[in-house]
């Protein structure tokens, strides 16, 4: 089974400006909190969480959980 995301699915994911902004904010390798990414993307933390889940599911980013949750 090929786990590499297809170009079409990546294009669909990054066709959403908020997701593209989130990925662009992470491209330099820095770890940012969901709140920092929400500010960078111009969306709510709840919306950011949804976008992050889709990027993780696609294998484009890795998530690390820290803190209370």
PDB file of N, CA and C in Angstrom:
ATOM      1  N   UNK A   1       0.839  -1.183   0.000  1.00  0.00           N
ATOM      2  CA  UNK A   1       0.000   0.000   0.000  1.00  0.00           C
ATOM      3  C   UNK A   1       0.881   1.243   0.000  1.00  0.00           C
ATOM      4  N   UNK A   2       0.552   2.181  -0.840  1.00  0.00           N
ATOM      5  CA  UNK A   2       1.303   3.427  -0.942  1.00  0.00           C
ATOM      6  C   UNK A   2       0.729   4.436   0.042  1.00  0.00           C
ATOM      7  N   UNK A   3       1.548   4.862   1.016  1.00  0.00           N
ATOM      8  CA  UNK A   3       1.071   5.818   2.020  1.00  0.00           C
ATOM      9  C   UNK A   3       1.426   7.254   1.655  1.00  0.00           C
ATOM     10  N   UNK A   4       2.095   7.447   0.538  1.00  0.00           N
ATOM     11  CA  UNK A   4       2.444   8.787   0.098  1.00  0.00           C
ATOM     12  C   UNK A   4       1.188   9.493  -0.408  1.00  0.00           C
ATOM     13  N   UNK A   5       0.911  10.695   0.119  1.00  0.00           N
ATOM     14  CA  UNK A   5      -0.276  11.417  -0.353  1.00  0.00           C
ATOM     15  C   UNK A   5      -0.162  11.729  -1.843  1.00  0.00           C
ATOM     16  N   UNK A   6      -1.259  11.637  -2.546  1.00  0.00           N
ATOM     17  CA  UNK A   6      -1.242  11.960  -3.973  1.00  0.00           C
ATOM     18  C   UNK A   6      -1.186  13.471  -4.162  1.00  0.00           C
ATOM     19  N   UNK A   7      -0.691  13.866  -5.321  1.00  0.00           N
ATOM     20  CA  UNK A   7      -0.621  15.295  -5.612  1.00  0.00           C
ATOM     21  C   UNK A   7      -2.003  15.936  -5.591  1.00  0.00           C
ATOM     22  N   UNK A   8      -3.002  15.226  -6.079  1.00  0.00           N
ATOM     23  CA  UNK A   8      -4.363  15.776  -6.108  1.00  0.00           C
ATOM     24  C   UNK A   8      -4.891  16.005  -4.702  1.00  0.00           C
ATOM     25  N   UNK A   9      -4.659  15.053  -3.802  1.00  0.00           N
ATOM     26  CA  UNK A   9      -5.166  15.225  -2.435  1.00  0.00           C
ATOM     27  C   UNK A   9      -4.408  16.326  -1.706  1.00  0.00           C
ATOM     28  N   UNK A  10      -3.111  16.447  -1.971  1.00  0.00           N
ATOM     29  CA  UNK A  10      -2.335  17.536  -1.370  1.00  0.00           C
ATOM     30  C   UNK A  10      -2.836  18.876  -1.902  1.00  0.00           C
ATOM     31  N   UNK A  11      -3.085  18.931  -3.198  1.00  0.00           N
ATOM     32  CA  UNK A  11      -3.610  20.162  -3.791  1.00  0.00           C
ATOM     33  C   UNK A  11      -4.941  20.558  -3.189  1.00  0.00           C
ATOM     34  N   UNK A  12      -5.804  19.571  -2.973  1.00  0.00           N
ATOM     35  CA  UNK A  12      -7.109  19.851  -2.369  1.00  0.00           C
ATOM     36  C   UNK A  12      -6.946  20.360  -0.942  1.00  0.00           C
ATOM     37  N   UNK A  13      -6.031  19.758  -0.188  1.00  0.00           N
ATOM     38  CA  UNK A  13      -5.803  20.206   1.186  1.00  0.00           C
ATOM     39  C   UNK A  13      -5.271  21.635   1.220  1.00  0.00           C
ATOM     40  N   UNK A  14      -4.310  21.920   0.360  1.00  0.00           N
ATOM     41  CA  UNK A  14      -3.672  23.235   0.383  1.00  0.00           C
ATOM     42  C   UNK A  14      -4.443  24.279  -0.406  1.00  0.00           C
ATOM     43  N   UNK A  15      -5.536  23.867  -1.041  1.00  0.00           N
ATOM     44  CA  UNK A  15      -6.412  24.816  -1.714  1.00  0.00           C
ATOM     45  C   UNK A  15      -7.210  25.656  -0.740  1.00  0.00           C
ATOM     46  N   UNK A  16      -7.212  25.253   0.520  1.00  0.00           N
ATOM     47  CA  UNK A  16      -7.868  26.021   1.578  1.00  0.00           C
ATOM     48  C   UNK A  16      -6.814  26.981   2.140  1.00  0.00           C
ATOM     49  N   UNK A  17      -7.008  28.290   1.983  1.00  0.00           N
ATOM     50  CA  UNK A  17      -5.975  29.247   2.390  1.00  0.00           C
ATOM     51  C   UNK A  17      -5.498  29.088   3.836  1.00  0.00           C
ATOM     52  N   UNK A  18      -6.396  28.817   4.758  1.00  0.00           N
ATOM     53  CA  UNK A  18      -5.979  28.679   6.156  1.00  0.00           C
ATOM     54  C   UNK A  18      -5.004  27.517   6.315  1.00  0.00           C
ATOM     55  N   UNK A  19      -5.280  26.391   5.646  1.00  0.00           N
ATOM     56  CA  UNK A  19      -4.375  25.235   5.730  1.00  0.00           C
ATOM     57  C   UNK A  19      -3.029  25.549   5.095  1.00  0.00           C
ATOM     58  N   UNK A  20      -3.053  26.246   3.983  1.00  0.00           N
ATOM     59  CA  UNK A  20      -1.801  26.635   3.326  1.00  0.00           C
ATOM     60  C   UNK A  20      -0.988  27.548   4.239  1.00  0.00           C
ATOM     61  N   UNK A  21      -1.650  28.469   4.931  1.00  0.00           N
ATOM     62  CA  UNK A  21      -0.956  29.364   5.864  1.00  0.00           C
ATOM     63  C   UNK A  21      -0.383  28.602   7.049  1.00  0.00           C
ATOM     64  N   UNK A  22      -1.116  27.616   7.541  1.00  0.00           N
ATOM     65  CA  UNK A  22      -0.622  26.792   8.648  1.00  0.00           C
ATOM     66  C   UNK A  22       0.636  26.051   8.215  1.00  0.00           C
ATOM     67  N   UNK A  23       0.580  25.410   7.063  1.00  0.00           N
ATOM     68  CA  UNK A  23       1.738  24.662   6.576  1.00  0.00           C
ATOM     69  C   UNK A  23       2.920  25.591   6.317  1.00  0.00           C
ATOM     70  N   UNK A  24       2.664  26.756   5.753  1.00  0.00           N
ATOM     71  CA  UNK A  24       3.735  27.723   5.500  1.00  0.00           C
ATOM     72  C   UNK A  24       4.383  28.176   6.806  1.00  0.00           C
ATOM     73  N   UNK A  25       3.602  28.287   7.870  1.00  0.00           N
ATOM     74  CA  UNK A  25       4.136  28.695   9.169  1.00  0.00           C
ATOM     75  C   UNK A  25       5.040  27.627   9.769  1.00  0.00           C
ATOM     76  N   UNK A  26       4.824  26.378   9.381  1.00  0.00           N
ATOM     77  CA  UNK A  26       5.594  25.263   9.943  1.00  0.00           C
ATOM     78  C   UNK A  26       6.745  24.815   9.051  1.00  0.00           C
ATOM     79  N   UNK A  27       6.837  25.353   7.852  1.00  0.00           N
ATOM     80  CA  UNK A  27       7.770  24.839   6.854  1.00  0.00           C
ATOM     81  C   UNK A  27       9.232  24.967   7.284  1.00  0.00           C
ATOM     82  N   UNK A  28       9.538  25.916   8.166  1.00  0.00           N
ATOM     83  CA  UNK A  28      10.930  26.089   8.596  1.00  0.00           C
ATOM     84  C   UNK A  28      11.324  25.146   9.731  1.00  0.00           C
ATOM     85  N   UNK A  29      10.393  24.290  10.150  1.00  0.00           N
ATOM     86  CA  UNK A  29      10.717  23.281  11.157  1.00  0.00           C
ATOM     87  C   UNK A  29      10.452  23.689  12.593  1.00  0.00           C
ATOM     88  N   UNK A  30      10.048  24.932  12.806  1.00  0.00           N
ATOM     89  CA  UNK A  30       9.742  25.363  14.176  1.00  0.00           C
ATOM     90  C   UNK A  30       8.456  24.714  14.652  1.00  0.00           C
ATOM     91  N   UNK A  31       8.403  24.400  15.927  1.00  0.00           N
ATOM     92  CA  UNK A  31       7.167  23.902  16.536  1.00  0.00           C
ATOM     93  C   UNK A  31       6.373  25.106  17.027  1.00  0.00           C
ATOM     94  N   UNK A  32       5.115  25.177  16.636  1.00  0.00           N
ATOM     95  CA  UNK A  32       4.237  26.260  17.066  1.00  0.00           C
ATOM     96  C   UNK A  32       3.006  25.658  17.718  1.00  0.00           C
ATOM     97  N   UNK A  33       2.433  26.398  18.652  1.00  0.00           N
ATOM     98  CA  UNK A  33       1.204  25.931  19.291  1.00  0.00           C
ATOM     99  C   UNK A  33       0.025  26.126  18.346  1.00  0.00           C
ATOM    100  N   UNK A  34      -1.065  25.452  18.654  1.00  0.00           N
ATOM    101  CA  UNK A  34      -2.280  25.609  17.853  1.00  0.00           C
ATOM    102  C   UNK A  34      -2.756  27.058  17.885  1.00  0.00           C
ATOM    103  N   UNK A  35      -2.596  27.717  19.015  1.00  0.00           N
ATOM    104  CA  UNK A  35      -3.002  29.122  19.122  1.00  0.00           C
ATOM    105  C   UNK A  35      -2.150  30.000  18.213  1.00  0.00           C
ATOM    106  N   UNK A  36      -0.841  29.769  18.197  1.00  0.00           N
ATOM    107  CA  UNK A  36       0.038  30.539  17.314  1.00  0.00           C
ATOM    108  C   UNK A  36      -0.315  30.300  15.845  1.00  0.00           C
ATOM    109  N   UNK A  37      -0.632  29.056  15.523  1.00  0.00           N
ATOM    110  CA  UNK A  37      -1.010  28.733  14.146  1.00  0.00           C
ATOM    111  C   UNK A  37      -2.355  29.353  13.780  1.00  0.00           C
ATOM    112  N   UNK A  38      -3.275  29.407  14.749  1.00  0.00           N
ATOM    113  CA  UNK A  38      -4.575  30.036  14.504  1.00  0.00           C
ATOM    114  C   UNK A  38      -4.395  31.508  14.157  1.00  0.00           C
ATOM    115  N   UNK A  39      -3.536  32.175  14.890  1.00  0.00           N
ATOM    116  CA  UNK A  39      -3.268  33.591  14.629  1.00  0.00           C
ATOM    117  C   UNK A  39      -2.644  33.759  13.247  1.00  0.00           C
ATOM    118  N   UNK A  40      -1.674  32.917  12.921  1.00  0.00           N
ATOM    119  CA  UNK A  40      -1.007  33.002  11.617  1.00  0.00           C
ATOM    120  C   UNK A  40      -1.978  32.742  10.466  1.00  0.00           C
ATOM    121  N   UNK A  41      -2.923  31.831  10.692  1.00  0.00           N
ATOM    122  CA  UNK A  41      -3.875  31.462   9.639  1.00  0.00           C
ATOM    123  C   UNK A  41      -5.093  32.367   9.609  1.00  0.00           C
ATOM    124  N   UNK A  42      -5.299  33.139  10.675  1.00  0.00           N
ATOM    125  CA  UNK A  42      -6.452  34.031  10.730  1.00  0.00           C
ATOM    126  C   UNK A  42      -7.766  33.316  10.965  1.00  0.00           C
ATOM    127  N   UNK A  43      -7.708  32.205  11.706  1.00  0.00           N
ATOM    128  CA  UNK A  43      -8.921  31.438  12.013  1.00  0.00           C
ATOM    129  C   UNK A  43      -8.961  31.139  13.509  1.00  0.00           C
ATOM    130  N   UNK A  44     -10.090  30.615  13.976  1.00  0.00           N
ATOM    131  CA  UNK A  44     -10.238  30.299  15.395  1.00  0.00           C
ATOM    132  C   UNK A  44      -9.394  29.077  15.762  1.00  0.00           C
ATOM    133  N   UNK A  45      -9.076  28.926  17.049  1.00  0.00           N
ATOM    134  CA  UNK A  45      -8.345  27.727  17.481  1.00  0.00           C
ATOM    135  C   UNK A  45      -9.086  26.432  17.152  1.00  0.00           C
ATOM    136  N   UNK A  46     -10.406  26.448  17.229  1.00  0.00           N
ATOM    137  CA  UNK A  46     -11.188  25.250  16.913  1.00  0.00           C
ATOM    138  C   UNK A  46     -11.042  24.879  15.437  1.00  0.00           C
ATOM    139  N   UNK A  47     -11.101  25.882  14.576  1.00  0.00           N
ATOM    140  CA  UNK A  47     -10.928  25.644  13.144  1.00  0.00           C
ATOM    141  C   UNK A  47      -9.513  25.170  12.855  1.00  0.00           C
ATOM    142  N   UNK A  48      -8.547  25.753  13.544  1.00  0.00           N
ATOM    143  CA  UNK A  48      -7.157  25.334  13.383  1.00  0.00           C
ATOM    144  C   UNK A  48      -6.987  23.874  13.758  1.00  0.00           C
ATOM    145  N   UNK A  49      -7.616  23.454  14.832  1.00  0.00           N
ATOM    146  CA  UNK A  49      -7.535  22.056  15.253  1.00  0.00           C
ATOM    147  C   UNK A  49      -8.032  21.123  14.159  1.00  0.00           C
ATOM    148  N   UNK A  50      -9.114  21.483  13.524  1.00  0.00           N
ATOM    149  CA  UNK A  50      -9.661  20.681  12.426  1.00  0.00           C
ATOM    150  C   UNK A  50      -8.693  20.632  11.246  1.00  0.00           C
ATOM    151  N   UNK A  51      -8.125  21.777  10.902  1.00  0.00           N
ATOM    152  CA  UNK A  51      -7.163  21.828   9.800  1.00  0.00           C
ATOM    153  C   UNK A  51      -5.918  21.006  10.129  1.00  0.00           C
ATOM    154  N   UNK A  52      -5.441  21.106  11.366  1.00  0.00           N
ATOM    155  CA  UNK A  52      -4.262  20.339  11.764  1.00  0.00           C
ATOM    156  C   UNK A  52      -4.519  18.841  11.665  1.00  0.00           C
ATOM    157  N   UNK A  53      -5.695  18.412  12.081  1.00  0.00           N
ATOM    158  CA  UNK A  53      -6.035  16.987  12.004  1.00  0.00           C
ATOM    159  C   UNK A  53      -5.983  16.500  10.561  1.00  0.00           C
ATOM    160  N   UNK A  54      -6.464  17.306   9.633  1.00  0.00           N
ATOM    161  CA  UNK A  54      -6.445  16.912   8.221  1.00  0.00           C
ATOM    162  C   UNK A  54      -5.020  16.859   7.683  1.00  0.00           C
ATOM    163  N   UNK A  55      -4.178  17.798   8.101  1.00  0.00           N
ATOM    164  CA  UNK A  55      -2.784  17.791   7.660  1.00  0.00           C
ATOM    165  C   UNK A  55      -2.021  16.606   8.246  1.00  0.00           C
ATOM    166  N   UNK A  56      -2.315  16.262   9.492  1.00  0.00           N
ATOM    167  CA  UNK A  56      -1.702  15.085  10.118  1.00  0.00           C
ATOM    168  C   UNK A  56      -2.166  13.821   9.410  1.00  0.00           C
ATOM    169  N   UNK A  57      -3.466  13.699   9.178  1.00  0.00           N
ATOM    170  CA  UNK A  57      -4.015  12.516   8.503  1.00  0.00           C
ATOM    171  C   UNK A  57      -3.405  12.318   7.119  1.00  0.00           C
ATOM    172  N   UNK A  58      -3.077  13.416   6.452  1.00  0.00           N
ATOM    173  CA  UNK A  58      -2.483  13.336   5.116  1.00  0.00           C
ATOM    174  C   UNK A  58      -0.988  13.045   5.168  1.00  0.00           C
ATOM    175  N   UNK A  59      -0.410  13.075   6.375  1.00  0.00           N
ATOM    176  CA  UNK A  59       1.017  12.815   6.512  1.00  0.00           C
ATOM    177  C   UNK A  59       1.896  14.003   6.174  1.00  0.00           C
ATOM    178  N   UNK A  60       1.302  15.195   6.133  1.00  0.00           N
ATOM    179  CA  UNK A  60       2.073  16.389   5.792  1.00  0.00           C
ATOM    180  C   UNK A  60       2.771  17.006   6.993  1.00  0.00           C
ATOM    181  N   UNK A  61       2.233  16.776   8.184  1.00  0.00           N
ATOM    182  CA  UNK A  61       2.857  17.286   9.411  1.00  0.00           C
ATOM    183  C   UNK A  61       2.760  16.220  10.496  1.00  0.00           C
ATOM    184  N   UNK A  62       3.573  16.395  11.531  1.00  0.00           N
ATOM    185  CA  UNK A  62       3.497  15.564  12.727  1.00  0.00           C
ATOM    186  C   UNK A  62       3.040  16.441  13.874  1.00  0.00           C
ATOM    187  N   UNK A  63       2.238  15.894  14.755  1.00  0.00           N
ATOM    188  CA  UNK A  63       1.743  16.659  15.899  1.00  0.00           C
ATOM    189  C   UNK A  63       2.319  16.084  17.182  1.00  0.00           C
ATOM    190  N   UNK A  64       2.665  16.970  18.094  1.00  0.00           N
ATOM    191  CA  UNK A  64       3.104  16.591  19.432  1.00  0.00           C
ATOM    192  C   UNK A  64       2.167  17.243  20.424  1.00  0.00           C
ATOM    193  N   UNK A  65       1.634  16.446  21.332  1.00  0.00           N
ATOM    194  CA  UNK A  65       0.733  16.997  22.341  1.00  0.00           C
ATOM    195  C   UNK A  65       1.527  17.300  23.606  1.00  0.00           C
ATOM    196  N   UNK A  66       1.326  18.507  24.109  1.00  0.00           N
ATOM    197  CA  UNK A  66       1.962  18.954  25.348  1.00  0.00           C
ATOM    198  C   UNK A  66       0.907  19.648  26.189  1.00  0.00           C
ATOM    199  N   UNK A  67       1.148  19.744  27.454  1.00  0.00           N
ATOM    200  CA  UNK A  67       0.244  20.501  28.307  1.00  0.00           C
ATOM    201  C   UNK A  67      -0.847  19.663  28.929  1.00  0.00           C
ATOM    202  N   UNK A  68      -1.956  20.310  29.202  1.00  0.00           N
ATOM    203  CA  UNK A  68      -3.047  19.705  29.956  1.00  0.00           C
ATOM    204  C   UNK A  68      -3.812  18.643  29.199  1.00  0.00           C
ATOM    205  N   UNK A  69      -3.864  18.715  27.898  1.00  0.00           N
ATOM    206  CA  UNK A  69      -4.716  17.791  27.147  1.00  0.00           C
ATOM    207  C   UNK A  69      -3.849  16.834  26.423  1.00  0.00           C
TER     208      UNK A  69
END
